Protein backbone atom coordinates (compact mmCIF):
# COMPACT_ATOMS: atom_id res chain seq x y z
CA MET A 1 -10.64 33.99 -27.60
CA SER A 2 -12.23 37.15 -27.42
CA GLN A 3 -12.57 39.39 -24.00
CA ILE A 4 -15.08 40.04 -22.11
CA SER A 5 -16.37 43.75 -21.11
CA ILE A 6 -18.46 44.42 -18.77
CA VAL A 7 -20.47 47.96 -19.07
CA LYS A 8 -23.52 49.86 -18.51
CA ALA A 9 -26.50 48.02 -19.64
CA LYS A 10 -28.54 50.19 -22.28
CA PRO A 11 -31.88 50.82 -22.75
CA GLN A 12 -32.15 49.46 -26.30
CA THR A 13 -30.03 46.31 -25.61
CA ALA A 14 -32.57 43.27 -27.53
CA VAL A 15 -31.65 40.68 -24.96
CA GLY A 16 -32.37 42.62 -21.82
CA GLY A 17 -35.86 41.59 -21.50
CA LYS A 18 -35.08 37.91 -22.23
CA LEU A 19 -32.35 37.69 -19.82
CA THR A 20 -34.63 38.84 -17.14
CA GLU A 21 -37.46 36.93 -17.42
CA MET A 22 -34.75 33.92 -17.62
CA ALA A 23 -33.61 34.87 -14.25
CA LEU A 24 -37.01 35.24 -12.86
CA ASP A 25 -38.33 31.92 -13.76
CA TYR A 26 -41.90 31.23 -12.10
CA MET A 27 -42.07 34.81 -10.77
CA LYS A 28 -41.88 36.30 -14.17
CA TYR A 29 -45.69 34.99 -14.63
CA SER A 30 -46.80 36.63 -11.39
CA LEU A 31 -45.38 39.75 -12.44
CA ALA A 32 -46.40 39.53 -16.30
CA GLY A 33 -49.91 38.60 -15.15
CA SER A 34 -50.10 36.01 -17.98
CA ARG A 35 -48.39 32.59 -19.33
CA GLU A 36 -48.19 33.56 -22.38
CA PRO A 37 -44.17 34.25 -23.79
CA ALA A 38 -45.59 37.11 -25.88
CA VAL A 39 -46.88 39.07 -23.09
CA ILE A 40 -44.00 37.84 -20.85
CA GLY A 41 -41.59 39.16 -23.09
CA HIS A 42 -43.74 42.49 -24.16
CA THR A 43 -43.75 43.08 -20.39
CA PHE A 44 -39.99 42.32 -19.31
CA GLN A 45 -38.00 44.59 -22.53
CA LYS A 46 -40.52 47.59 -21.64
CA LEU A 47 -39.60 46.81 -18.22
CA TRP A 48 -35.98 47.27 -19.14
CA LYS A 49 -36.29 50.30 -21.33
CA ALA A 50 -37.98 52.03 -18.45
CA ARG A 51 -36.06 53.81 -15.38
CA ASN A 52 -37.37 53.89 -11.57
CA ASN A 53 -38.74 49.75 -11.76
CA ARG A 54 -36.77 46.91 -10.09
CA PHE A 55 -36.34 45.33 -13.42
CA SER A 56 -34.66 48.54 -15.37
CA HIS A 57 -31.70 48.65 -17.25
CA GLU A 58 -30.50 51.13 -15.49
CA TYR A 59 -29.88 49.05 -12.14
CA ALA A 60 -27.83 46.32 -14.75
CA TYR A 61 -24.45 45.31 -16.25
CA GLU A 62 -23.76 43.94 -19.24
CA ALA A 63 -21.45 41.10 -20.39
CA VAL A 64 -20.44 41.88 -23.81
CA ARG A 65 -18.05 40.50 -26.07
CA GLU A 66 -17.38 41.19 -30.27
CA GLY A 67 -20.18 44.09 -29.65
CA LYS A 68 -22.77 41.10 -28.27
CA THR A 69 -24.59 40.80 -24.69
CA LEU A 70 -23.99 37.31 -23.56
CA GLY A 71 -25.04 38.19 -19.72
CA MET A 72 -26.52 40.52 -17.57
CA ILE A 73 -26.29 41.40 -13.36
CA MET A 74 -28.96 43.68 -11.69
CA CYS A 75 -27.83 45.24 -8.72
CA TYR A 76 -28.87 47.67 -5.71
CA PRO A 77 -28.54 48.21 -2.20
CA THR A 78 -30.95 46.39 -0.23
CA THR A 79 -32.82 49.78 1.09
CA LEU A 80 -33.02 50.85 -3.06
CA MET A 81 -34.60 47.65 -3.96
CA ASN A 82 -37.18 47.79 -2.03
CA LYS A 83 -37.99 51.32 -2.27
CA LEU A 84 -38.36 50.11 -6.06
CA ALA A 85 -41.68 47.46 -5.16
CA TRP A 86 -44.18 50.11 -5.73
CA THR A 87 -42.83 51.89 -8.62
CA THR A 88 -42.22 48.52 -10.46
CA PHE A 89 -45.76 47.82 -9.61
CA SER A 90 -47.19 50.80 -10.71
CA GLN A 91 -45.51 50.22 -14.18
CA LEU A 92 -46.88 46.98 -14.26
CA PHE A 93 -50.31 47.59 -13.65
CA ASP A 94 -50.39 50.51 -16.37
CA ILE A 95 -49.20 47.81 -18.98
CA HIS A 96 -51.89 45.01 -17.94
CA LYS A 97 -54.43 47.24 -15.89
CA TRP A 98 -56.92 44.48 -14.16
CA LYS A 99 -55.28 41.71 -16.39
CA LEU A 100 -52.65 41.69 -13.17
CA ILE A 101 -54.65 41.58 -10.58
CA GLY A 102 -56.76 38.93 -11.77
CA TYR A 103 -53.69 36.39 -13.02
CA ASN A 104 -52.52 36.94 -9.02
CA LEU A 105 -55.64 36.63 -8.17
CA ARG A 106 -56.37 33.53 -9.83
CA ASN A 107 -52.86 32.17 -8.81
CA TRP A 108 -52.13 32.92 -5.32
CA LYS A 109 -49.38 30.85 -4.15
CA GLU A 110 -46.84 32.43 -7.04
CA PHE A 111 -48.38 36.03 -5.97
CA TYR A 112 -47.74 35.23 -1.64
CA THR A 113 -44.16 33.80 -2.53
CA MET A 114 -43.30 36.68 -4.40
CA VAL A 115 -44.35 39.86 -2.39
CA THR A 116 -43.53 38.19 1.04
CA LEU A 117 -39.82 37.20 -0.36
CA LYS A 118 -37.41 38.59 2.02
CA GLU A 119 -34.31 38.43 -0.53
CA ALA A 120 -31.71 41.17 1.28
CA GLU A 121 -30.55 42.63 4.60
CA ASN A 122 -31.00 46.19 4.59
CA ASP A 123 -26.80 46.48 5.13
CA GLU A 124 -26.33 44.61 2.13
CA TYR A 125 -25.99 45.42 -1.73
CA HIS A 126 -27.85 42.72 -3.46
CA ILE A 127 -27.62 40.87 -6.66
CA GLY A 128 -31.17 40.58 -7.84
CA ILE A 129 -30.62 39.03 -11.00
CA ILE A 130 -28.18 37.35 -12.93
CA ALA A 131 -28.23 35.48 -16.18
CA ALA A 132 -25.89 34.27 -18.98
CA LEU A 133 -27.59 33.29 -22.50
CA PRO A 134 -27.39 29.49 -23.16
CA GLU A 135 -24.98 29.46 -25.75
CA SER A 136 -22.13 31.55 -23.21
CA ARG A 137 -22.33 29.47 -20.69
CA GLY A 138 -18.95 28.15 -19.84
CA LEU A 139 -17.34 31.38 -20.63
CA GLY A 140 -16.71 32.48 -17.44
CA ILE A 141 -19.32 35.33 -17.47
CA GLY A 142 -21.07 34.97 -14.01
CA THR A 143 -17.78 35.38 -12.07
CA GLU A 144 -17.03 38.25 -14.01
CA LEU A 145 -20.37 40.23 -13.90
CA ILE A 146 -20.35 39.15 -9.90
CA GLY A 147 -16.61 40.63 -9.61
CA HIS A 148 -17.99 43.68 -11.59
CA VAL A 149 -20.39 44.26 -8.77
CA GLU A 150 -18.74 43.65 -5.97
CA LYS A 151 -15.89 46.38 -6.47
CA GLN A 152 -19.49 48.89 -7.69
CA ALA A 153 -20.94 47.58 -4.14
CA VAL A 154 -17.52 48.28 -1.95
CA GLN A 155 -17.30 51.97 -3.91
CA GLN A 156 -20.72 52.51 -3.20
CA GLY A 157 -19.50 51.68 0.99
CA TYR A 158 -20.94 48.70 0.84
CA PHE A 159 -19.28 45.76 2.69
CA LYS A 160 -21.44 42.75 1.97
CA SER A 161 -23.12 41.45 -0.93
CA SER A 162 -25.96 38.91 -1.51
CA LEU A 163 -28.18 37.16 -3.79
CA THR A 164 -30.55 33.96 -3.16
CA VAL A 165 -30.51 31.16 -5.67
CA LYS A 166 -33.02 27.98 -5.64
CA GLN A 167 -31.90 25.27 -3.69
CA GLU A 168 -32.05 22.78 -6.78
CA ASN A 169 -29.72 24.63 -8.83
CA VAL A 170 -26.75 22.64 -7.93
CA GLY A 171 -24.15 24.50 -10.09
CA ALA A 172 -24.80 28.20 -9.16
CA ILE A 173 -24.93 27.37 -6.05
CA LYS A 174 -20.90 25.94 -6.91
CA LEU A 175 -20.26 29.21 -8.59
CA TYR A 176 -21.26 31.34 -5.88
CA GLU A 177 -19.60 29.06 -2.79
CA ARG A 178 -16.18 29.18 -4.89
CA LEU A 179 -16.49 33.30 -4.94
CA GLY A 180 -16.41 33.10 -1.40
CA TYR A 181 -20.63 32.94 -0.94
CA ASN A 182 -22.07 31.83 2.11
CA LYS A 183 -25.34 30.37 2.88
CA VAL A 184 -27.06 32.49 5.55
CA GLY A 185 -30.46 31.51 5.65
CA GLU A 186 -33.57 29.51 3.93
CA ILE A 187 -36.74 30.42 2.44
CA ASN A 188 -39.26 28.40 2.23
CA LYS A 189 -42.70 29.66 0.27
CA PRO A 190 -45.38 27.65 -1.35
CA ALA A 191 -43.88 28.32 -5.18
CA VAL A 192 -40.26 28.11 -4.25
CA SER A 193 -37.62 26.94 -2.09
CA MET A 194 -34.07 29.24 -2.17
CA TYR A 195 -31.47 29.60 -0.52
CA ARG A 196 -30.23 32.95 1.12
CA MET A 197 -26.58 33.54 0.47
CA SER A 198 -23.77 36.52 1.30
CA LYS A 199 -20.27 37.52 1.20
CA VAL A 200 -18.18 39.94 3.48
CA LEU A 201 -15.81 41.50 0.88
CA VAL A 202 -13.83 44.12 3.05
C-alpha cells in the first residue's frame, strides 16, 4: 500500500470544498444560505480557493496518496479563528448577498447555534475541520492528519490542541480518545449537541 503524505493544501484541490461541507454537516446550510447542493458546493469551493476566511486552503493540510487527496484538516490558533469570523461572513455575503440573510432569518435556530458556538479557548490550537472521503476511511488518515497538526501547534508555541465532535459520533470520539484527547466540556444548542475535547501536547 502506498504511503500517505501530509502536505500543505492547494487552492486548486478539487475536493477541498466537498471535504469542508462534509465536515460541517448541518452548519453548511446557514453558511451557504441554502439547502440546494449546487449552491452549497459552489460556496465552499469558492471559500476554499480564496484566502483570509475560516474555510480557506490557507489553513488546511491534505492527506495525499498516489497524487489523490483523500482527506483534509483545517487548523488555527483560536485567536486567529475568531478573527476570521468577520472576513468569512463578508466573503459569504459577497457570494450570496441578501439571500444569506433571508435564509438565516427563516432558520434562526441553525444561525443562533452557529454564531453562539464557543469551540475553543484562546490558548489552544484548534482543529476546526477534519474530513476524509468515504472510500478512504479505515486507512488511518485521521490519525496522520491530527499528528501533523499537533506538531505544527508545538512549533508555533501552543501546548494544547482542541476540537469539537457531535455527541452521537461515537466512532470519531473513540479515535480522538485513543489519540489522547479528553472531553472538557459540552455544547448544547438548539440545532446540535457536541463535546469539546482537548489534549495537552507537551
